[in-house]
Amino acid sequence: MSAALKKAGALVTIEQLAVLDILVSNEKPMTMSELSLGVFKVNANITRIVDKLEQKELVERFARKSDRRSLKVMATKKGELEFHRMLPIIMQTQREYGKTITDEEKKELLRIVKKIIDANT
């Protein structure tokens, strides 16, 4: 996946793209804790990823009016454009990966992933 992104001239890594995906899909600012739950990363890792995205002007952070200690993050227009530019590459790569396993293996994988998600919600 990383090779496909690099070949396409992506501005982001796969980890950074996952954070952009959550922010773009959510369509509203999110706290770091909300982001960490969305991508199954600890807050320290999310902070590092958001720092990199902010340096690239793909996200912006701002203090909440009700609590200035708590920051919210949202994708910038540039971040949304980068996510949508990379989405077809991700989808094509996933289709190619999907060809390497049988339909039965795909069903089993989905069952396992659903079980993991259900256990963490």
C-alpha atoms as a PDB file:
ATOM      1  CA  MET A   1       0.000   0.000   0.000  1.00  0.00           C
ATOM      2  CA  SER A   2       2.768   2.433   0.933  1.00  0.00           C
ATOM      3  CA  ALA A   3       4.503   1.788  -2.394  1.00  0.00           C
ATOM      4  CA  ALA A   4       1.300   2.590  -4.297  1.00  0.00           C
ATOM      5  CA  LEU A   5       0.867   5.828  -2.353  1.00  0.00           C
ATOM      6  CA  LYS A   6       4.478   6.810  -2.915  1.00  0.00           C
ATOM      7  CA  LYS A   7       4.238   6.050  -6.638  1.00  0.00           C
ATOM      8  CA  ALA A   8       1.147   8.286  -6.824  1.00  0.00           C
ATOM      9  CA  GLY A   9       3.041  11.148  -5.188  1.00  0.00           C
ATOM     10  CA  ALA A  10       1.043  11.082  -1.970  1.00  0.00           C
ATOM     11  CA  LEU A  11       1.711  13.777   0.594  1.00  0.00           C
ATOM     12  CA  VAL A  12       0.827  11.332   3.371  1.00  0.00           C
ATOM     13  CA  THR A  13       1.677   7.941   4.817  1.00  0.00           C
ATOM     14  CA  ILE A  14      -0.926   5.210   5.254  1.00  0.00           C
ATOM     15  CA  GLU A  15      -1.246   6.125   8.970  1.00  0.00           C
ATOM     16  CA  GLN A  16      -1.798   9.776   8.126  1.00  0.00           C
ATOM     17  CA  LEU A  17      -4.317   8.822   5.457  1.00  0.00           C
ATOM     18  CA  ALA A  18      -6.268   6.791   8.023  1.00  0.00           C
ATOM     19  CA  VAL A  19      -6.557   9.890  10.242  1.00  0.00           C
ATOM     20  CA  LEU A  20      -7.605  12.016   7.268  1.00  0.00           C
ATOM     21  CA  ASP A  21     -10.194   9.374   6.389  1.00  0.00           C
ATOM     22  CA  ILE A  22     -11.772   9.630   9.845  1.00  0.00           C
ATOM     23  CA  LEU A  23     -11.757  13.438   9.794  1.00  0.00           C
ATOM     24  CA  VAL A  24     -13.132  13.755   6.256  1.00  0.00           C
ATOM     25  CA  SER A  25     -15.781  11.071   6.825  1.00  0.00           C
ATOM     26  CA  ASN A  26     -16.864  12.582  10.139  1.00  0.00           C
ATOM     27  CA  GLU A  27     -17.324  16.041   8.577  1.00  0.00           C
ATOM     28  CA  LYS A  28     -16.910  17.780  11.944  1.00  0.00           C
ATOM     29  CA  PRO A  29     -13.991  18.578  14.245  1.00  0.00           C
ATOM     30  CA  MET A  30     -12.890  15.772  16.568  1.00  0.00           C
ATOM     31  CA  THR A  31     -10.867  15.548  19.756  1.00  0.00           C
ATOM     32  CA  MET A  32      -7.612  13.596  19.813  1.00  0.00           C
ATOM     33  CA  SER A  33      -9.318  10.946  21.962  1.00  0.00           C
ATOM     34  CA  GLU A  34     -12.090  10.514  19.390  1.00  0.00           C
ATOM     35  CA  LEU A  35      -9.474  10.171  16.660  1.00  0.00           C
ATOM     36  CA  SER A  36      -7.500   7.608  18.627  1.00  0.00           C
ATOM     37  CA  LEU A  37     -10.617   5.448  18.983  1.00  0.00           C
ATOM     38  CA  GLY A  38     -11.335   5.784  15.268  1.00  0.00           C
ATOM     39  CA  VAL A  39      -7.934   4.514  14.158  1.00  0.00           C
ATOM     40  CA  PHE A  40      -7.109   2.265  17.141  1.00  0.00           C
ATOM     41  CA  LYS A  41      -4.015   4.251  18.160  1.00  0.00           C
ATOM     42  CA  VAL A  42      -2.992   5.656  21.518  1.00  0.00           C
ATOM     43  CA  ASN A  43      -3.215   9.418  22.009  1.00  0.00           C
ATOM     44  CA  ALA A  44       0.577   9.893  21.826  1.00  0.00           C
ATOM     45  CA  ASN A  45       0.664   8.328  18.356  1.00  0.00           C
ATOM     46  CA  ILE A  46      -2.331  10.382  17.222  1.00  0.00           C
ATOM     47  CA  THR A  47      -0.593  13.547  18.418  1.00  0.00           C
ATOM     48  CA  ARG A  48       2.499  12.657  16.370  1.00  0.00           C
ATOM     49  CA  ILE A  49       0.408  11.904  13.262  1.00  0.00           C
ATOM     50  CA  VAL A  50      -1.645  15.104  13.640  1.00  0.00           C
ATOM     51  CA  ASP A  51       1.580  17.109  14.119  1.00  0.00           C
ATOM     52  CA  LYS A  52       2.843  15.838  10.753  1.00  0.00           C
ATOM     53  CA  LEU A  53      -0.500  16.503   9.050  1.00  0.00           C
ATOM     54  CA  GLU A  54      -0.604  19.997  10.509  1.00  0.00           C
ATOM     55  CA  GLN A  55       2.930  20.725   9.225  1.00  0.00           C
ATOM     56  CA  LYS A  56       1.673  19.762   5.746  1.00  0.00           C
ATOM     57  CA  GLU A  57      -1.393  22.020   6.234  1.00  0.00           C
ATOM     58  CA  LEU A  58      -3.731  19.039   5.810  1.00  0.00           C
ATOM     59  CA  VAL A  59      -5.401  19.488   9.225  1.00  0.00           C
ATOM     60  CA  GLU A  60      -5.835  22.308  11.697  1.00  0.00           C
ATOM     61  CA  ARG A  61      -6.217  22.293  15.460  1.00  0.00           C
ATOM     62  CA  PHE A  62      -8.154  24.728  17.570  1.00  0.00           C
ATOM     63  CA  ALA A  63      -9.237  25.082  21.178  1.00  0.00           C
ATOM     64  CA  ARG A  64     -12.814  24.310  22.143  1.00  0.00           C
ATOM     65  CA  LYS A  65     -14.770  27.333  23.366  1.00  0.00           C
ATOM     66  CA  SER A  66     -16.030  25.419  26.397  1.00  0.00           C
ATOM     67  CA  ASP A  67     -12.596  24.080  27.395  1.00  0.00           C
ATOM     68  CA  ARG A  68      -9.450  25.720  26.029  1.00  0.00           C
ATOM     69  CA  ARG A  69      -7.319  22.815  27.274  1.00  0.00           C
ATOM     70  CA  SER A  70      -9.085  20.432  24.901  1.00  0.00           C
ATOM     71  CA  LEU A  71      -8.148  20.698  21.245  1.00  0.00           C
ATOM     72  CA  LYS A  72     -10.262  19.727  18.283  1.00  0.00           C
ATOM     73  CA  VAL A  73      -8.867  18.727  14.899  1.00  0.00           C
ATOM     74  CA  MET A  74     -10.394  19.020  11.460  1.00  0.00           C
ATOM     75  CA  ALA A  75      -9.254  18.409   7.907  1.00  0.00           C
ATOM     76  CA  THR A  76      -8.429  21.468   5.842  1.00  0.00           C
ATOM     77  CA  LYS A  77      -9.609  21.813   2.249  1.00  0.00           C
ATOM     78  CA  LYS A  78      -6.118  20.732   1.194  1.00  0.00           C
ATOM     79  CA  GLY A  79      -6.458  17.670   3.446  1.00  0.00           C
ATOM     80  CA  GLU A  80      -9.834  16.776   1.963  1.00  0.00           C
ATOM     81  CA  LEU A  81      -8.434  17.109  -1.559  1.00  0.00           C
ATOM     82  CA  GLU A  82      -5.448  14.884  -0.720  1.00  0.00           C
ATOM     83  CA  PHE A  83      -7.708  12.236   0.809  1.00  0.00           C
ATOM     84  CA  HIS A  84     -10.005  12.193  -2.235  1.00  0.00           C
ATOM     85  CA  ARG A  85      -7.004  12.142  -4.580  1.00  0.00           C
ATOM     86  CA  MET A  86      -5.594   9.059  -2.826  1.00  0.00           C
ATOM     87  CA  LEU A  87      -8.893   7.206  -2.345  1.00  0.00           C
ATOM     88  CA  PRO A  88      -8.978   5.589  -5.831  1.00  0.00           C
ATOM     89  CA  ILE A  89      -5.402   4.349  -5.357  1.00  0.00           C
ATOM     90  CA  ILE A  90      -6.290   2.820  -1.987  1.00  0.00           C
ATOM     91  CA  MET A  91      -9.381   1.168  -3.402  1.00  0.00           C
ATOM     92  CA  GLN A  92      -7.497  -0.273  -6.402  1.00  0.00           C
ATOM     93  CA  THR A  93      -4.723  -1.589  -4.176  1.00  0.00           C
ATOM     94  CA  GLN A  94      -7.260  -3.201  -1.842  1.00  0.00           C
ATOM     95  CA  ARG A  95      -8.952  -4.872  -4.825  1.00  0.00           C
ATOM     96  CA  GLU A  96      -5.580  -6.255  -5.907  1.00  0.00           C
ATOM     97  CA  TYR A  97      -4.870  -7.525  -2.382  1.00  0.00           C
ATOM     98  CA  GLY A  98      -8.330  -9.060  -2.276  1.00  0.00           C
ATOM     99  CA  LYS A  99      -7.536 -11.250  -5.274  1.00  0.00           C
ATOM    100  CA  THR A 100      -4.977 -13.175  -3.238  1.00  0.00           C
ATOM    101  CA  ILE A 101      -7.527 -14.743  -0.882  1.00  0.00           C
ATOM    102  CA  THR A 102     -10.596 -16.864  -1.537  1.00  0.00           C
ATOM    103  CA  ASP A 103     -14.174 -15.749  -0.946  1.00  0.00           C
ATOM    104  CA  GLU A 104     -14.326 -18.059   2.069  1.00  0.00           C
ATOM    105  CA  GLU A 105     -11.166 -16.454   3.526  1.00  0.00           C
ATOM    106  CA  LYS A 106     -12.679 -12.986   2.960  1.00  0.00           C
ATOM    107  CA  LYS A 107     -15.803 -13.996   4.897  1.00  0.00           C
ATOM    108  CA  GLU A 108     -13.650 -15.347   7.729  1.00  0.00           C
ATOM    109  CA  LEU A 109     -11.575 -12.146   7.812  1.00  0.00           C
ATOM    110  CA  LEU A 110     -14.704  -9.989   7.994  1.00  0.00           C
ATOM    111  CA  ARG A 111     -16.081 -12.177  10.779  1.00  0.00           C
ATOM    112  CA  ILE A 112     -12.872 -11.778  12.798  1.00  0.00           C
ATOM    113  CA  VAL A 113     -12.647  -8.013  12.240  1.00  0.00           C
ATOM    114  CA  LYS A 114     -16.311  -7.599  13.236  1.00  0.00           C
ATOM    115  CA  LYS A 115     -15.645  -9.618  16.390  1.00  0.00           C
ATOM    116  CA  ILE A 116     -12.707  -7.368  17.301  1.00  0.00           C
ATOM    117  CA  ILE A 117     -14.719  -4.207  16.652  1.00  0.00           C
ATOM    118  CA  ASP A 118     -17.712  -5.465  18.625  1.00  0.00           C
ATOM    119  CA  ALA A 119     -15.463  -6.338  21.583  1.00  0.00           C
ATOM    120  CA  ASN A 120     -14.081  -2.791  21.637  1.00  0.00           C
ATOM    121  CA  THR A 121     -17.367  -0.877  21.420  1.00  0.00           C
END
